[in-house]
Amino acid sequence: MKKRYLALVVLFSAWSMSAQTVLTLDDCRQMAISHNKTLQIAQENVKAANELKKAAFTQFFPNFSANGTYTWNEKNLSLLSEDKYLPVYNMSANGTPNYAGSWNNSWTMVNGSPVPLDASGTPFNPKTNPEKILWKNYALLPKDAMEFDIQNVFAGTVGFVQPLFMGGKIVELYKIAKYGENLAEAQKINREHELMIEVDEAYWRDESIENKIKLAKEYRILVAKVEENVKVMIEEGVATKAEALKVRVKLNEADVTVARAENGLSLSRMALNQLCGLPLEAVYALNDENLGKEIVVPQLIPLEQALGNRPEVTALTQLQNIAKSNEKLMFSRFLPTIALSGNYLVSNPNVYNGYENEFGGMFTVGVVAHVPLFHFGDKIHTLNAAKTQSRIATMQLEETKEKMQLQIKQTSYKVAESMKKQITTEDNVEQANENLKYATDGFEEGVISSTDLLGAQTAWLSAKSDNIDALIEVRLCNLYLQKSQGTLQSPMASNNNNQKSIKK
């Protein structure tokens, strides 16, 4: 469709040097849809919503990540502040500690059991007073041996987190993203329908003015002919100058009507050019073959089907679904979350086999659970707010459906009224034509005055003008009925349907 739009723009560029081009209603619709920036923004919103839906779907899968760090430290790590001495036990042959062989303390018998004596000769319990033990041997723990080189530290991890149970959060977030895509698509379709209404109104307004200009020029020819006849009658002495002045006034009025209509056509054409993306000063002819063609009145369909077709209802339904999913999302905050995690850790210095300045690592696998306990009613308040928003969305949908039902009834009545008006104006045109014929014949035979003939011509002009308005009104009312029933299709959709039917 963009290629056709570009071709039409190129065609208009060379228009000043070529024959005048004829535009159809479908041409104007297609150019407007291709040119309209608001519609292009709506299409981009659909693409963005689709990407957000894809992004939400990825949350069902594990999240892999890698991290690395390097740290330089001024000082090394030491476990001892100074050299330490560690008491050493002598072991008996049976593998038990040899207290007598390890301690320098003297011993005494208390209640038949050996008890060690401290330096002052007082018995003591070595379990409660181990500081009174006098050791024979000590092992030296030098401070340097317990010092670790941490001046250059490298660490890294590669792992994943797989959600197992998130309380329904991921499911509802994906649903919200899907509803958002449907909402954007419905808004785009609604904008297309609104744009087509604007284009059709501008097109038929131009069509009406063009036909009325033609009608005004025909009327002027009739009045000019009367003026010529009156001049001849004055020369013959059967008419007065007063009659000539009356005819001249009518002729001037006809000139003013033509000029006013041509100015109105220029302004109306600029409005249509702006919608179609054409130069404001572009001049074209509209295809008026369909104006007099009998129009097929769209059939009324069941209200539920009509409401289901409306993009506004679809949009509000998606908003209702989003509100319900948001309510479930708020409820999921009360539920625990469980996730599986796995990692491979690597570090330098390597602490897994002594302490060496080389890389070493290990695998870890675990399950993480988070259970919310209490947060001063925060989750309850947000849940109540989500429930309120869900009820509001439901009420808005119901109210809109009620208004749309009334709109469908009103537009159907207007269609019937416009059809009756068309039939009536067509009858009036026939009568006006017949009356004008009789008046013209009578004027030429001298039995009817010029005033009566001018009156018949004015009535003919009024009847023809009313008929043009009625024809335009029928088409617009049928357009509004299609819009209210959701059966209005854009040129792109119509072309796709035609291509499908051809393939079948």
Protein backbone atom coordinates (compact mmCIF):
# COMPACT_ATOMS: atom_id res chain seq x y z
CA MET A 1 0.00 0.00 0.00
CA LYS A 2 2.94 2.37 0.67
CA LYS A 3 4.14 1.79 -2.89
CA ARG A 4 0.75 2.81 -4.22
CA TYR A 5 0.76 5.86 -1.99
CA LEU A 6 4.19 6.91 -3.30
CA ALA A 7 3.03 6.34 -6.86
CA LEU A 8 0.04 8.62 -6.30
CA VAL A 9 2.26 11.32 -4.79
CA VAL A 10 4.59 11.15 -7.81
CA LEU A 11 1.56 11.33 -10.05
CA PHE A 12 0.38 14.49 -8.31
CA SER A 13 3.85 16.04 -8.64
CA ALA A 14 3.63 15.83 -12.44
CA TRP A 15 -0.01 16.91 -12.45
CA SER A 16 0.51 20.50 -13.51
CA MET A 17 1.85 19.31 -16.84
CA SER A 18 -0.63 16.50 -17.43
CA ALA A 19 -4.33 15.80 -17.53
CA GLN A 20 -6.36 16.07 -14.37
CA THR A 21 -6.40 12.90 -12.25
CA VAL A 22 -9.56 11.36 -10.87
CA LEU A 23 -9.51 10.21 -7.25
CA THR A 24 -11.74 7.49 -5.86
CA LEU A 25 -12.80 7.12 -2.26
CA ASP A 26 -10.54 4.07 -1.80
CA ASP A 27 -7.58 6.07 -3.16
CA CYS A 28 -8.15 8.76 -0.55
CA ARG A 29 -8.51 6.19 2.23
CA GLN A 30 -5.29 4.41 1.31
CA MET A 31 -3.29 7.63 1.04
CA ALA A 32 -4.65 8.86 4.38
CA ILE A 33 -3.82 5.59 6.14
CA SER A 34 -0.29 5.61 4.71
CA HIS A 35 0.28 9.28 5.56
CA ASN A 36 -1.37 9.69 8.97
CA LYS A 37 1.25 10.07 11.71
CA THR A 38 -1.11 9.17 14.54
CA LEU A 39 -1.86 5.88 12.82
CA GLN A 40 1.85 5.25 12.31
CA ILE A 41 2.41 5.88 16.03
CA ALA A 42 -0.37 3.39 16.81
CA GLN A 43 1.35 0.82 14.58
CA GLU A 44 4.64 1.39 16.41
CA ASN A 45 2.80 0.92 19.72
CA VAL A 46 1.62 -2.47 18.45
CA LYS A 47 5.20 -3.45 17.63
CA ALA A 48 6.41 -2.27 21.03
CA ALA A 49 3.65 -4.22 22.81
CA ASN A 50 4.57 -7.34 20.84
CA GLU A 51 8.21 -7.02 21.92
CA LEU A 52 7.13 -6.56 25.55
CA LYS A 53 5.06 -9.73 25.31
CA LYS A 54 8.07 -11.64 23.99
CA ALA A 55 10.17 -10.19 26.79
CA ALA A 56 7.60 -11.32 29.39
CA PHE A 57 7.63 -14.85 27.93
CA THR A 58 11.39 -15.14 28.49
CA GLN A 59 10.79 -14.92 32.26
CA PHE A 60 9.65 -18.56 32.19
CA PHE A 61 13.21 -19.63 31.29
CA PRO A 62 16.36 -19.60 33.45
CA ASN A 63 18.39 -16.45 33.71
CA PHE A 64 22.11 -17.02 33.02
CA SER A 65 24.70 -14.51 34.17
CA ALA A 66 28.43 -14.15 34.62
CA ASN A 67 30.23 -11.89 37.08
CA GLY A 68 33.85 -11.08 37.65
CA THR A 69 35.82 -8.91 40.03
CA TYR A 70 39.38 -7.88 40.82
CA THR A 71 40.45 -6.32 44.11
CA TRP A 72 43.82 -4.90 45.14
CA ASN A 73 44.45 -4.84 48.92
CA GLU A 74 47.15 -2.86 50.67
CA LYS A 75 47.78 -5.46 53.39
CA ASN A 76 47.76 -9.22 53.60
CA LEU A 77 45.50 -11.22 55.89
CA SER A 78 47.04 -12.59 59.13
CA LEU A 79 45.24 -14.87 61.56
CA LEU A 80 47.75 -14.26 64.41
CA SER A 81 48.99 -11.01 65.91
CA GLU A 82 52.26 -12.64 67.05
CA ASP A 83 53.99 -16.04 67.30
CA LYS A 84 51.87 -18.51 69.29
CA TYR A 85 52.68 -21.72 71.20
CA LEU A 86 50.32 -24.66 71.04
CA PRO A 87 50.41 -27.20 73.92
CA VAL A 88 51.20 -30.74 72.78
CA TYR A 89 49.67 -33.92 74.29
CA ASN A 90 51.69 -37.08 74.74
CA MET A 91 49.61 -40.06 73.73
CA SER A 92 49.38 -43.41 75.51
CA ALA A 93 49.81 -46.67 73.69
CA ASN A 94 46.07 -47.14 73.51
CA GLY A 95 45.64 -43.77 71.77
CA THR A 96 44.32 -41.82 74.78
CA PRO A 97 45.94 -38.62 76.07
CA ASN A 98 48.73 -39.22 78.66
CA TYR A 99 48.04 -36.42 81.08
CA ALA A 100 50.82 -37.31 83.49
CA GLY A 101 53.29 -37.47 80.65
CA SER A 102 52.14 -34.17 79.16
CA TRP A 103 51.85 -32.01 82.29
CA ASN A 104 54.45 -30.82 84.81
CA ASN A 105 51.80 -30.45 87.52
CA SER A 106 52.08 -32.49 90.74
CA TRP A 107 49.26 -34.88 91.55
CA THR A 108 47.41 -35.85 94.71
CA MET A 109 44.66 -38.28 95.60
CA VAL A 110 41.24 -36.84 96.43
CA ASN A 111 38.50 -39.36 97.29
CA GLY A 112 40.54 -42.06 95.65
CA SER A 113 41.05 -40.18 92.32
CA PRO A 114 44.20 -38.40 91.06
CA VAL A 115 43.82 -34.62 90.93
CA PRO A 116 46.45 -32.20 89.56
CA LEU A 117 47.92 -29.43 91.74
CA ASP A 118 48.56 -25.90 90.54
CA ALA A 119 51.78 -23.98 91.10
CA SER A 120 50.72 -23.13 94.68
CA GLY A 121 49.92 -26.78 95.47
CA THR A 122 46.17 -26.36 95.43
CA PRO A 123 44.06 -29.04 93.69
CA PHE A 124 42.08 -27.78 90.65
CA ASN A 125 39.78 -29.07 87.96
CA PRO A 126 41.56 -28.90 84.57
CA LYS A 127 38.25 -28.66 82.74
CA THR A 128 37.16 -25.50 84.52
CA ASN A 129 40.65 -24.03 85.02
CA PRO A 130 42.76 -25.11 82.02
CA GLU A 131 45.03 -22.07 82.47
CA LYS A 132 46.59 -23.73 85.60
CA ILE A 133 47.94 -26.63 83.57
CA LEU A 134 51.74 -26.63 83.26
CA TRP A 135 52.61 -28.15 79.87
CA LYS A 136 55.83 -29.97 79.20
CA ASN A 137 55.94 -29.41 75.40
CA TYR A 138 54.69 -26.63 73.10
CA ALA A 139 54.39 -26.48 69.29
CA LEU A 140 55.43 -23.17 67.77
CA LEU A 141 52.85 -21.40 65.51
CA PRO A 142 54.80 -18.66 63.76
CA LYS A 143 52.88 -15.54 62.75
CA ASP A 144 54.33 -15.64 59.23
CA ALA A 145 52.94 -19.13 58.62
CA MET A 146 49.38 -17.90 59.28
CA GLU A 147 49.60 -14.94 56.90
CA PHE A 148 47.74 -15.09 53.55
CA ASP A 149 48.53 -13.13 50.41
CA ILE A 150 45.38 -11.20 49.44
CA GLN A 151 47.05 -8.27 47.71
CA ASN A 152 45.66 -9.31 44.29
CA VAL A 153 42.32 -11.09 44.45
CA PHE A 154 40.45 -12.36 41.39
CA ALA A 155 36.95 -13.86 41.62
CA GLY A 156 34.28 -14.86 39.13
CA THR A 157 31.05 -16.77 38.87
CA VAL A 158 28.88 -18.19 36.09
CA GLY A 159 25.42 -19.38 37.03
CA PHE A 160 21.70 -19.48 36.44
CA VAL A 161 18.47 -18.92 38.34
CA GLN A 162 15.39 -20.91 37.32
CA PRO A 163 12.06 -19.83 38.83
CA LEU A 164 10.14 -22.84 40.16
CA PHE A 165 7.19 -21.19 41.89
CA MET A 166 6.65 -17.42 41.93
CA GLY A 167 3.08 -17.32 43.20
CA GLY A 168 1.75 -16.76 39.67
CA LYS A 169 3.67 -13.52 39.10
CA ILE A 170 5.32 -14.56 35.84
CA VAL A 171 2.09 -16.00 34.42
CA GLU A 172 0.13 -12.84 35.18
CA LEU A 173 2.88 -10.56 33.88
CA TYR A 174 2.86 -12.49 30.61
CA LYS A 175 -0.93 -12.21 30.42
CA ILE A 176 -0.73 -8.46 31.06
CA ALA A 177 1.81 -8.11 28.23
CA LYS A 178 -0.44 -10.14 25.91
CA TYR A 179 -3.47 -8.04 26.83
CA GLY A 180 -1.37 -4.93 26.23
CA GLU A 181 -0.60 -6.12 22.69
CA ASN A 182 -4.31 -6.74 22.04
CA LEU A 183 -5.09 -3.29 23.46
CA ALA A 184 -2.57 -1.61 21.15
CA GLU A 185 -3.99 -3.48 18.15
CA ALA A 186 -7.55 -2.48 19.04
CA GLN A 187 -6.50 1.15 19.44
CA LYS A 188 -4.83 1.05 16.04
CA ILE A 189 -7.98 -0.35 14.40
CA ASN A 190 -10.12 2.26 16.15
CA ARG A 191 -7.82 5.01 14.87
CA GLU A 192 -8.11 3.58 11.34
CA HIS A 193 -11.90 3.70 11.60
CA GLU A 194 -11.85 7.27 12.90
CA LEU A 195 -9.50 8.29 10.11
CA MET A 196 -11.73 6.69 7.47
CA ILE A 197 -14.72 8.58 8.90
CA GLU A 198 -12.77 11.84 8.59
CA VAL A 199 -11.68 11.01 5.03
CA ASP A 200 -15.16 9.95 3.92
CA GLU A 201 -16.73 13.08 5.38
CA ALA A 202 -14.15 15.28 3.64
CA TYR A 203 -14.53 13.33 0.37
CA TRP A 204 -18.31 13.53 0.28
CA ARG A 205 -18.19 17.17 1.31
CA ASP A 206 -16.01 17.86 -1.74
CA GLU A 207 -18.32 15.71 -3.84
CA SER A 208 -21.34 17.67 -2.65
CA ILE A 209 -19.73 21.04 -3.37
CA GLU A 210 -18.54 19.95 -6.83
CA ASN A 211 -22.01 18.77 -7.79
CA LYS A 212 -23.58 21.93 -6.42
CA ILE A 213 -21.13 24.01 -8.49
CA LYS A 214 -22.25 22.13 -11.59
CA LEU A 215 -25.86 22.66 -10.55
CA ALA A 216 -25.28 26.37 -9.93
CA LYS A 217 -23.72 26.75 -13.38
CA GLU A 218 -26.70 24.99 -14.98
CA TYR A 219 -29.01 27.31 -13.05
CA ARG A 220 -27.06 30.33 -14.27
CA ILE A 221 -27.41 29.15 -17.88
CA LEU A 222 -31.17 28.90 -17.39
CA VAL A 223 -31.36 32.41 -15.88
CA ALA A 224 -29.11 33.81 -18.62
CA LYS A 225 -31.42 32.33 -21.23
CA VAL A 226 -34.39 33.99 -19.53
CA GLU A 227 -32.51 37.30 -19.57
CA GLU A 228 -31.95 37.01 -23.32
CA ASN A 229 -35.63 36.24 -23.89
CA VAL A 230 -36.70 39.18 -21.73
CA LYS A 231 -34.44 41.52 -23.72
CA VAL A 232 -36.13 40.35 -26.93
CA MET A 233 -39.55 40.81 -25.33
CA ILE A 234 -38.65 44.36 -24.28
CA GLU A 235 -37.67 45.19 -27.83
CA GLU A 236 -41.02 43.80 -28.96
CA GLY A 237 -42.81 45.81 -26.28
CA VAL A 238 -44.33 42.85 -24.41
CA ALA A 239 -42.08 43.14 -21.32
CA THR A 240 -40.90 45.94 -19.06
CA LYS A 241 -37.50 46.94 -17.80
CA ALA A 242 -38.64 45.97 -14.28
CA GLU A 243 -38.81 42.37 -15.40
CA ALA A 244 -35.33 42.66 -16.89
CA LEU A 245 -34.01 44.03 -13.58
CA LYS A 246 -35.56 41.10 -11.68
CA VAL A 247 -33.89 38.65 -14.03
CA ARG A 248 -30.60 40.52 -13.74
CA VAL A 249 -30.73 40.29 -9.94
CA LYS A 250 -31.27 36.53 -10.18
CA LEU A 251 -28.35 36.27 -12.59
CA ASN A 252 -26.10 38.17 -10.18
CA GLU A 253 -27.22 35.90 -7.35
CA ALA A 254 -26.32 32.88 -9.47
CA ASP A 255 -22.85 34.33 -10.12
CA VAL A 256 -22.33 34.93 -6.40
CA THR A 257 -23.50 31.38 -5.62
CA VAL A 258 -21.03 29.89 -8.11
CA ALA A 259 -18.15 32.02 -6.75
CA ARG A 260 -19.00 31.16 -3.14
CA ALA A 261 -19.21 27.45 -3.96
CA GLU A 262 -15.86 27.50 -5.79
CA ASN A 263 -14.18 29.16 -2.80
CA GLY A 264 -15.76 26.62 -0.50
CA LEU A 265 -14.50 23.82 -2.74
CA SER A 266 -10.94 25.15 -2.52
CA LEU A 267 -11.04 25.17 1.28
CA SER A 268 -12.72 21.76 1.46
CA ARG A 269 -10.22 20.31 -1.00
CA MET A 270 -7.33 21.58 1.17
CA ALA A 271 -8.78 19.70 4.14
CA LEU A 272 -8.94 16.48 2.12
CA ASN A 273 -5.41 17.07 0.80
CA GLN A 274 -4.11 17.42 4.34
CA LEU A 275 -5.69 14.13 5.36
CA CYS A 276 -4.29 12.35 2.31
CA GLY A 277 -0.81 13.86 2.60
CA LEU A 278 -1.06 15.72 -0.70
CA PRO A 279 0.09 19.29 -1.40
CA LEU A 280 -2.55 21.70 -0.12
CA GLU A 281 -2.87 23.38 -3.53
CA ALA A 282 -3.24 20.08 -5.44
CA VAL A 283 -6.25 20.07 -7.76
CA TYR A 284 -8.05 16.88 -8.74
CA ALA A 285 -11.42 15.55 -9.77
CA LEU A 286 -13.43 13.18 -7.64
CA ASN A 287 -15.07 10.10 -9.05
CA ASP A 288 -18.76 10.99 -8.75
CA GLU A 289 -20.05 7.91 -10.56
CA ASN A 290 -21.02 6.33 -7.27
CA LEU A 291 -23.10 9.32 -6.15
CA GLY A 292 -26.11 8.38 -8.21
CA LYS A 293 -25.60 4.62 -7.84
CA GLU A 294 -27.99 2.75 -5.62
CA ILE A 295 -26.32 2.03 -2.31
CA VAL A 296 -26.55 -1.29 -0.49
CA VAL A 297 -27.79 -0.69 3.03
CA PRO A 298 -25.80 -2.74 5.58
CA GLN A 299 -27.90 -5.29 7.38
CA LEU A 300 -28.38 -5.04 11.10
CA ILE A 301 -26.56 -7.77 13.00
CA PRO A 302 -27.23 -9.04 16.55
CA LEU A 303 -26.18 -6.57 19.22
CA GLU A 304 -23.77 -8.95 20.90
CA GLN A 305 -22.04 -9.61 17.58
CA ALA A 306 -21.90 -5.87 16.82
CA LEU A 307 -20.43 -5.11 20.24
CA GLY A 308 -17.87 -7.87 19.75
CA ASN A 309 -16.81 -6.24 16.48
CA ARG A 310 -16.19 -2.83 18.01
CA PRO A 311 -12.50 -2.10 18.68
CA GLU A 312 -13.50 0.16 21.57
CA VAL A 313 -15.12 -2.80 23.34
CA THR A 314 -12.07 -4.92 22.58
CA ALA A 315 -9.82 -2.25 24.08
CA LEU A 316 -11.93 -1.93 27.24
CA THR A 317 -12.08 -5.72 27.54
CA GLN A 318 -8.29 -5.86 27.46
CA LEU A 319 -8.14 -3.14 30.12
CA GLN A 320 -10.53 -5.22 32.22
CA ASN A 321 -8.32 -8.30 31.74
CA ILE A 322 -5.25 -6.28 32.70
CA ALA A 323 -6.99 -5.08 35.86
CA LYS A 324 -7.95 -8.67 36.81
CA SER A 325 -4.42 -9.92 36.17
CA ASN A 326 -3.06 -7.05 38.25
CA GLU A 327 -5.37 -8.12 41.07
CA LYS A 328 -3.95 -11.66 40.89
CA LEU A 329 -0.47 -10.19 40.74
CA MET A 330 -1.08 -8.28 43.97
CA PHE A 331 -2.41 -11.46 45.61
CA SER A 332 0.72 -13.38 44.56
CA ARG A 333 2.76 -11.12 46.86
CA PHE A 334 1.30 -13.07 49.79
CA LEU A 335 2.65 -16.37 48.44
CA PRO A 336 6.18 -17.77 48.81
CA THR A 337 8.61 -17.80 45.90
CA ILE A 338 10.99 -20.69 45.12
CA ALA A 339 13.87 -20.67 42.66
CA LEU A 340 16.60 -23.11 41.67
CA SER A 341 20.11 -21.72 41.35
CA GLY A 342 23.36 -23.18 40.06
CA ASN A 343 26.79 -21.56 39.91
CA TYR A 344 30.41 -22.22 39.16
CA LEU A 345 32.72 -20.16 41.39
CA VAL A 346 36.34 -19.46 40.56
CA SER A 347 38.87 -17.45 42.57
CA ASN A 348 42.54 -16.57 42.80
CA PRO A 349 44.01 -17.12 45.42
CA ASN A 350 42.72 -20.69 45.46
CA VAL A 351 41.35 -21.59 48.91
CA TYR A 352 40.06 -25.05 47.97
CA ASN A 353 43.43 -26.82 48.34
CA GLY A 354 45.47 -24.95 50.87
CA TYR A 355 46.06 -21.35 49.96
CA GLU A 356 47.79 -20.89 46.60
CA ASN A 357 48.09 -18.04 44.13
CA GLU A 358 46.35 -19.86 41.29
CA PHE A 359 42.81 -20.19 39.96
CA GLY A 360 40.48 -22.79 41.41
CA GLY A 361 36.73 -23.28 41.45
CA MET A 362 33.73 -25.41 42.34
CA PHE A 363 30.09 -26.01 41.39
CA THR A 364 27.17 -25.10 43.66
CA VAL A 365 23.49 -25.99 43.32
CA GLY A 366 20.77 -24.78 45.64
CA VAL A 367 17.14 -23.90 46.15
CA VAL A 368 16.15 -20.46 47.40
CA ALA A 369 12.79 -19.82 49.06
CA HIS A 370 11.36 -16.47 50.11
CA VAL A 371 8.33 -16.40 52.41
CA PRO A 372 6.71 -13.01 53.16
CA LEU A 373 5.59 -12.73 56.77
CA PHE A 374 4.46 -9.27 57.77
CA HIS A 375 4.74 -5.78 56.31
CA PHE A 376 2.22 -3.65 58.21
CA GLY A 377 -0.66 -4.23 55.77
CA ASP A 378 1.14 -2.94 52.65
CA LYS A 379 0.18 -5.97 50.55
CA ILE A 380 -3.44 -5.90 51.76
CA HIS A 381 -3.88 -2.25 50.80
CA THR A 382 -2.38 -2.76 47.34
CA LEU A 383 -4.60 -5.80 46.82
CA ASN A 384 -7.70 -3.80 47.78
CA ALA A 385 -6.66 -1.02 45.38
CA ALA A 386 -6.23 -3.59 42.56
CA LYS A 387 -9.69 -5.02 43.28
CA THR A 388 -11.16 -1.51 43.06
CA GLN A 389 -9.43 -0.88 39.72
CA SER A 390 -10.81 -4.18 38.44
CA ARG A 391 -14.37 -3.20 39.40
CA ILE A 392 -13.91 0.21 37.75
CA ALA A 393 -12.75 -1.43 34.50
CA THR A 394 -15.78 -3.73 34.55
CA MET A 395 -18.20 -0.84 35.08
CA GLN A 396 -16.57 1.19 32.30
CA LEU A 397 -16.99 -1.73 29.92
CA GLU A 398 -20.64 -2.21 30.84
CA GLU A 399 -21.38 1.52 30.51
CA THR A 400 -19.71 1.67 27.10
CA LYS A 401 -21.71 -1.31 25.86
CA GLU A 402 -24.95 0.37 26.93
CA LYS A 403 -24.02 3.57 25.08
CA MET A 404 -23.02 1.61 21.99
CA GLN A 405 -26.34 -0.21 21.93
CA LEU A 406 -28.08 3.18 21.93
CA GLN A 407 -25.70 4.40 19.21
CA ILE A 408 -26.52 1.41 16.98
CA LYS A 409 -30.25 2.05 17.37
CA GLN A 410 -29.85 5.74 16.60
CA THR A 411 -27.71 5.19 13.50
CA SER A 412 -30.11 2.55 12.18
CA TYR A 413 -32.99 5.03 12.53
CA LYS A 414 -30.94 7.73 10.80
CA VAL A 415 -30.22 5.36 7.90
CA ALA A 416 -33.93 4.66 7.45
CA GLU A 417 -34.69 8.39 7.71
CA SER A 418 -32.01 9.27 5.14
CA MET A 419 -33.37 6.65 2.73
CA LYS A 420 -36.84 8.14 3.01
CA LYS A 421 -35.40 11.60 2.51
CA GLN A 422 -33.61 10.44 -0.63
CA ILE A 423 -36.81 9.01 -2.09
CA THR A 424 -38.69 12.20 -1.25
CA THR A 425 -36.07 14.47 -2.80
CA GLU A 426 -35.97 12.32 -5.96
CA ASP A 427 -39.74 12.75 -6.27
CA ASN A 428 -39.32 16.48 -5.71
CA VAL A 429 -36.69 16.62 -8.47
CA GLU A 430 -39.06 14.90 -10.91
CA GLN A 431 -41.83 17.33 -10.03
CA ALA A 432 -39.45 20.28 -10.23
CA ASN A 433 -38.25 19.14 -13.67
CA GLU A 434 -41.82 18.80 -14.88
CA ASN A 435 -42.81 22.15 -13.36
CA LEU A 436 -39.77 23.82 -14.97
CA LYS A 437 -40.68 22.31 -18.34
CA TYR A 438 -44.26 23.60 -18.14
CA ALA A 439 -43.08 27.02 -16.94
CA THR A 440 -40.51 27.29 -19.76
CA ASP A 441 -43.08 26.30 -22.37
CA GLY A 442 -45.62 28.71 -20.90
CA PHE A 443 -43.09 31.55 -20.81
CA GLU A 444 -42.15 30.94 -24.45
CA GLU A 445 -45.86 30.93 -25.35
CA GLY A 446 -46.40 34.12 -23.38
CA VAL A 447 -48.90 32.72 -20.86
CA ILE A 448 -46.47 32.72 -17.89
CA SER A 449 -44.48 35.70 -16.65
CA SER A 450 -40.73 35.75 -16.16
CA THR A 451 -41.27 35.95 -12.40
CA ASP A 452 -43.12 32.62 -12.43
CA LEU A 453 -40.41 31.10 -14.60
CA LEU A 454 -37.70 32.31 -12.23
CA GLY A 455 -39.68 30.84 -9.35
CA ALA A 456 -39.84 27.49 -11.15
CA GLN A 457 -36.09 27.62 -11.79
CA THR A 458 -35.41 28.44 -8.13
CA ALA A 459 -37.62 25.54 -7.05
CA TRP A 460 -35.74 23.28 -9.48
CA LEU A 461 -32.41 24.44 -8.04
CA SER A 462 -33.59 23.84 -4.48
CA ALA A 463 -34.94 20.36 -5.28
CA LYS A 464 -31.73 19.30 -7.04
CA SER A 465 -29.60 20.69 -4.19
CA ASP A 466 -31.70 18.89 -1.58
CA ASN A 467 -31.34 15.69 -3.57
CA ILE A 468 -27.54 16.02 -3.58
CA ASP A 469 -27.58 16.55 0.20
CA ALA A 470 -29.85 13.51 0.61
CA LEU A 471 -27.56 11.30 -1.50
CA ILE A 472 -24.54 12.37 0.56
CA GLU A 473 -26.45 11.89 3.80
CA VAL A 474 -27.43 8.33 2.86
CA ARG A 475 -23.81 7.40 2.28
CA LEU A 476 -22.60 9.01 5.49
CA CYS A 477 -25.39 7.45 7.56
CA ASN A 478 -24.53 4.03 6.15
CA LEU A 479 -20.90 4.71 7.00
CA TYR A 480 -21.85 5.62 10.58
CA LEU A 481 -23.94 2.44 10.83
CA GLN A 482 -20.98 0.34 9.71
CA LYS A 483 -18.82 2.10 12.27
CA SER A 484 -21.34 1.54 15.06
CA GLN A 485 -21.65 -2.17 14.20
CA GLY A 486 -17.91 -2.66 13.83
CA THR A 487 -18.21 -3.82 10.21
CA LEU A 488 -16.20 -0.95 8.74
CA GLN A 489 -13.09 -2.30 7.04
CA SER A 490 -9.95 -0.42 6.07
CA PRO A 491 -8.70 -0.64 2.46
CA MET A 492 -5.82 -2.81 3.67
CA ALA A 493 -8.18 -5.32 5.27
CA SER A 494 -10.42 -5.29 2.20
CA ASN A 495 -7.46 -5.97 -0.09
CA ASN A 496 -6.29 -8.82 2.14
CA ASN A 497 -9.76 -10.37 2.11
CA ASN A 498 -9.92 -10.07 -1.68
CA GLN A 499 -6.54 -11.73 -2.05
CA LYS A 500 -7.61 -14.58 0.22
CA SER A 501 -10.80 -15.12 -1.77
CA ILE A 502 -8.80 -15.11 -5.03
CA LYS A 503 -6.41 -17.75 -3.64
CA LYS A 504 -9.35 -19.90 -2.58
